[in-house]
């Protein structure tokens, strides 16, 4: 857990460095972004191998609220998990062109990496689901919590938006209802049926 927290701090520092460069009107490079926070070039390239991906993610990172704000109105674990799911889907819908560009760049970058280390994208959804489940006192085994977090991660965000709008030909409202319904089905399976 401590190692993951350090990785997240390093990643955020590199993203902050990229945002600073953008605000100053300077070119965004992985090395320059890392240098802003005293992070070595070698370390930075383990997080971001492509400066265009770094710049794209840094721009999107500005829009993400902290976990505490996203889950503030939720009464229980189910509510917190549903809040995270709908927040990330709504965020994708509200910033559709930027997320589509980012997703396209991520797919292109991933396809270009032949045999190299897989670069994990932001992972904000997964981290928030893991946090909610760790706090939730579910009594679930760690493997089951991880499985639920992965399934919820797959059911929202830009990827779900593209699948629902483009493949399933759903409108934004129907797409959002679908994401909420899928989330309820997953939560019923792992947490039991909703009370009331």
Protein backbone atom coordinates (compact mmCIF):
# COMPACT_ATOMS: atom_id res chain seq x y z
CA UNK A 1 0.00 0.00 0.00
CA UNK A 2 2.87 2.40 0.87
CA UNK A 3 4.62 1.57 -2.41
CA UNK A 4 1.43 2.28 -4.37
CA UNK A 5 1.02 5.61 -2.56
CA UNK A 6 4.60 6.56 -3.48
CA UNK A 7 4.00 5.59 -7.11
CA UNK A 8 0.85 7.73 -7.16
CA UNK A 9 2.74 10.71 -5.67
CA UNK A 10 5.50 10.34 -8.28
CA UNK A 11 2.96 10.11 -11.10
CA UNK A 12 1.09 13.18 -9.82
CA UNK A 13 4.33 15.13 -9.49
CA UNK A 14 5.25 14.40 -13.11
CA UNK A 15 1.74 15.41 -14.25
CA UNK A 16 2.02 18.60 -12.19
CA UNK A 17 5.37 19.33 -13.84
CA UNK A 18 3.75 18.90 -17.26
CA UNK A 19 0.90 21.26 -16.33
CA UNK A 20 3.43 23.83 -15.13
CA UNK A 21 5.30 23.62 -18.43
CA UNK A 22 2.04 24.04 -20.35
CA UNK A 23 1.04 27.05 -18.23
CA UNK A 24 4.43 28.64 -18.93
CA UNK A 25 4.04 28.03 -22.66
CA UNK A 26 7.04 25.67 -22.73
CA UNK A 27 7.24 22.39 -24.63
CA UNK A 28 6.23 19.36 -22.58
CA UNK A 29 8.89 16.70 -22.40
CA UNK A 30 8.99 13.81 -19.96
CA UNK A 31 12.42 14.85 -18.64
CA UNK A 32 11.46 18.53 -18.18
CA UNK A 33 8.21 17.65 -16.38
CA UNK A 34 10.05 15.31 -14.01
CA UNK A 35 12.83 17.81 -13.40
CA UNK A 36 10.30 20.29 -11.97
CA UNK A 37 9.97 18.02 -8.93
CA UNK A 38 13.47 16.54 -8.78
CA UNK A 39 12.47 13.23 -10.32
CA UNK A 40 15.08 11.48 -12.44
CA UNK A 41 14.58 11.07 -16.16
CA UNK A 42 14.87 7.28 -15.82
CA UNK A 43 12.13 7.19 -13.20
CA UNK A 44 9.91 9.50 -15.24
CA UNK A 45 10.16 7.28 -18.33
CA UNK A 46 8.83 4.34 -16.30
CA UNK A 47 5.61 6.34 -15.92
CA UNK A 48 5.41 8.15 -19.28
CA UNK A 49 7.31 7.13 -22.39
CA UNK A 50 5.52 9.53 -24.73
CA UNK A 51 5.46 13.32 -24.11
CA UNK A 52 2.21 13.66 -26.08
CA UNK A 53 0.54 11.13 -23.76
CA UNK A 54 1.95 12.98 -20.75
CA UNK A 55 0.55 16.30 -22.01
CA UNK A 56 -2.83 14.74 -22.82
CA UNK A 57 -3.16 13.10 -19.42
CA UNK A 58 -1.94 16.24 -17.62
CA UNK A 59 -4.72 18.20 -19.29
CA UNK A 60 -7.35 15.65 -18.31
CA UNK A 61 -6.01 15.32 -14.78
CA UNK A 62 -7.10 18.89 -14.03
CA UNK A 63 -10.73 17.87 -14.32
CA UNK A 64 -10.78 15.05 -11.76
CA UNK A 65 -12.23 15.78 -8.32
CA UNK A 66 -10.73 14.10 -5.26
CA UNK A 67 -12.31 10.92 -3.95
CA UNK A 68 -13.71 12.71 -0.89
CA UNK A 69 -15.70 15.13 -3.05
CA UNK A 70 -16.95 12.44 -5.41
CA UNK A 71 -18.25 10.27 -2.57
CA UNK A 72 -19.34 13.06 -0.17
CA UNK A 73 -23.09 12.48 -0.53
CA UNK A 74 -22.95 8.68 -0.42
CA UNK A 75 -24.52 6.99 2.59
CA UNK A 76 -22.75 3.63 2.30
CA UNK A 77 -20.26 1.55 0.33
CA UNK A 78 -22.74 0.85 -2.46
CA UNK A 79 -23.41 4.58 -2.78
CA UNK A 80 -19.69 5.40 -2.86
CA UNK A 81 -19.01 2.82 -5.57
CA UNK A 82 -21.99 4.03 -7.62
CA UNK A 83 -20.85 7.66 -7.16
CA UNK A 84 -17.36 6.86 -8.48
CA UNK A 85 -18.82 4.97 -11.46
CA UNK A 86 -21.22 7.72 -12.47
CA UNK A 87 -18.68 10.47 -11.82
CA UNK A 88 -16.17 8.97 -14.26
CA UNK A 89 -18.85 8.30 -16.86
CA UNK A 90 -20.22 11.85 -16.56
CA UNK A 91 -16.66 13.22 -16.74
CA UNK A 92 -16.10 11.33 -20.00
CA UNK A 93 -19.39 12.60 -21.45
CA UNK A 94 -18.69 16.20 -20.40
CA UNK A 95 -15.22 16.09 -21.95
CA UNK A 96 -15.99 13.72 -24.81
CA UNK A 97 -13.64 15.19 -27.47
CA UNK A 98 -10.66 15.33 -25.08
CA UNK A 99 -11.28 11.80 -23.79
CA UNK A 100 -11.65 10.43 -27.31
CA UNK A 101 -8.32 12.03 -28.29
CA UNK A 102 -6.68 10.71 -25.14
CA UNK A 103 -8.10 7.21 -25.65
CA UNK A 104 -6.93 7.22 -29.28
CA UNK A 105 -3.46 8.31 -28.23
CA UNK A 106 -3.36 5.67 -25.48
CA UNK A 107 -4.33 2.94 -27.94
CA UNK A 108 -1.75 4.10 -30.47
CA UNK A 109 0.95 4.32 -27.81
CA UNK A 110 0.04 0.89 -26.44
CA UNK A 111 0.16 -0.66 -29.91
CA UNK A 112 3.59 0.89 -30.55
CA UNK A 113 5.08 -0.62 -27.38
CA UNK A 114 6.42 -3.91 -28.62
CA UNK A 115 7.78 -6.06 -25.85
CA UNK A 116 8.44 -3.10 -23.54
CA UNK A 117 7.01 -2.53 -20.12
CA UNK A 118 3.28 -1.83 -20.19
CA UNK A 119 2.62 1.76 -19.21
CA UNK A 120 -0.45 2.02 -16.98
CA UNK A 121 -2.71 4.96 -17.69
CA UNK A 122 -3.92 7.14 -14.88
CA UNK A 123 -5.73 4.38 -13.02
CA UNK A 124 -7.78 6.90 -11.04
CA UNK A 125 -10.98 4.84 -11.23
CA UNK A 126 -9.28 1.68 -10.05
CA UNK A 127 -7.60 3.49 -7.17
CA UNK A 128 -10.90 5.02 -6.05
CA UNK A 129 -12.73 1.70 -6.20
CA UNK A 130 -9.92 0.02 -4.24
CA UNK A 131 -10.06 2.76 -1.62
CA UNK A 132 -13.84 2.53 -1.23
CA UNK A 133 -13.68 -1.25 -0.91
CA UNK A 134 -10.81 -1.10 1.59
CA UNK A 135 -12.78 1.36 3.72
CA UNK A 136 -16.06 -0.45 3.27
CA UNK A 137 -15.68 -3.30 5.73
CA UNK A 138 -17.21 -5.74 3.26
CA UNK A 139 -15.63 -8.85 4.71
CA UNK A 140 -14.67 -9.71 1.14
CA UNK A 141 -11.34 -11.37 0.48
CA UNK A 142 -8.72 -9.17 -1.17
CA UNK A 143 -8.97 -11.15 -4.41
CA UNK A 144 -12.73 -10.60 -4.55
CA UNK A 145 -12.35 -6.87 -3.84
CA UNK A 146 -9.80 -6.68 -6.66
CA UNK A 147 -12.14 -8.54 -9.01
CA UNK A 148 -15.02 -6.18 -8.24
CA UNK A 149 -12.79 -3.11 -8.66
CA UNK A 150 -11.64 -4.38 -12.08
CA UNK A 151 -15.21 -5.10 -13.21
CA UNK A 152 -16.40 -1.66 -12.11
CA UNK A 153 -13.41 -0.04 -13.81
CA UNK A 154 -14.36 -1.73 -17.07
CA UNK A 155 -17.96 -0.53 -16.82
CA UNK A 156 -17.36 3.23 -16.91
CA UNK A 157 -15.20 6.04 -18.27
CA UNK A 158 -14.26 6.81 -21.85
CA UNK A 159 -14.19 3.16 -22.87
CA UNK A 160 -17.79 2.58 -21.77
CA UNK A 161 -18.80 5.88 -23.35
CA UNK A 162 -17.39 4.85 -26.73
CA UNK A 163 -18.97 1.38 -26.53
CA UNK A 164 -22.39 2.71 -25.59
CA UNK A 165 -22.53 5.77 -27.86
CA UNK A 166 -20.77 4.33 -30.91
CA UNK A 167 -21.37 0.58 -30.79
CA UNK A 168 -24.71 0.33 -28.97
CA UNK A 169 -25.99 3.59 -30.54
CA UNK A 170 -27.31 4.84 -27.19
CA UNK A 171 -27.86 8.51 -26.46
CA UNK A 172 -26.04 10.07 -23.49
CA UNK A 173 -28.97 9.66 -21.08
CA UNK A 174 -29.59 6.03 -22.02
CA UNK A 175 -25.85 5.35 -21.84
CA UNK A 176 -25.69 6.79 -18.31
CA UNK A 177 -28.71 4.71 -17.22
CA UNK A 178 -27.02 1.63 -18.66
CA UNK A 179 -23.82 2.31 -16.71
CA UNK A 180 -25.85 2.75 -13.51
CA UNK A 181 -27.76 -0.50 -14.16
CA UNK A 182 -24.59 -2.49 -14.89
CA UNK A 183 -23.04 -1.13 -11.70
CA UNK A 184 -26.10 -2.18 -9.68
CA UNK A 185 -25.93 -5.69 -11.15
CA UNK A 186 -22.24 -5.99 -10.23
CA UNK A 187 -22.86 -4.66 -6.73
CA UNK A 188 -25.80 -7.03 -6.24
CA UNK A 189 -23.53 -9.93 -7.19
CA UNK A 190 -20.71 -8.98 -4.84
CA UNK A 191 -22.45 -7.12 -2.00
CA UNK A 192 -25.94 -8.61 -2.12
CA UNK A 193 -29.18 -6.97 -3.25
CA UNK A 194 -29.80 -3.33 -2.45
CA UNK A 195 -31.93 -2.86 0.66
CA UNK A 196 -35.25 -1.04 0.43
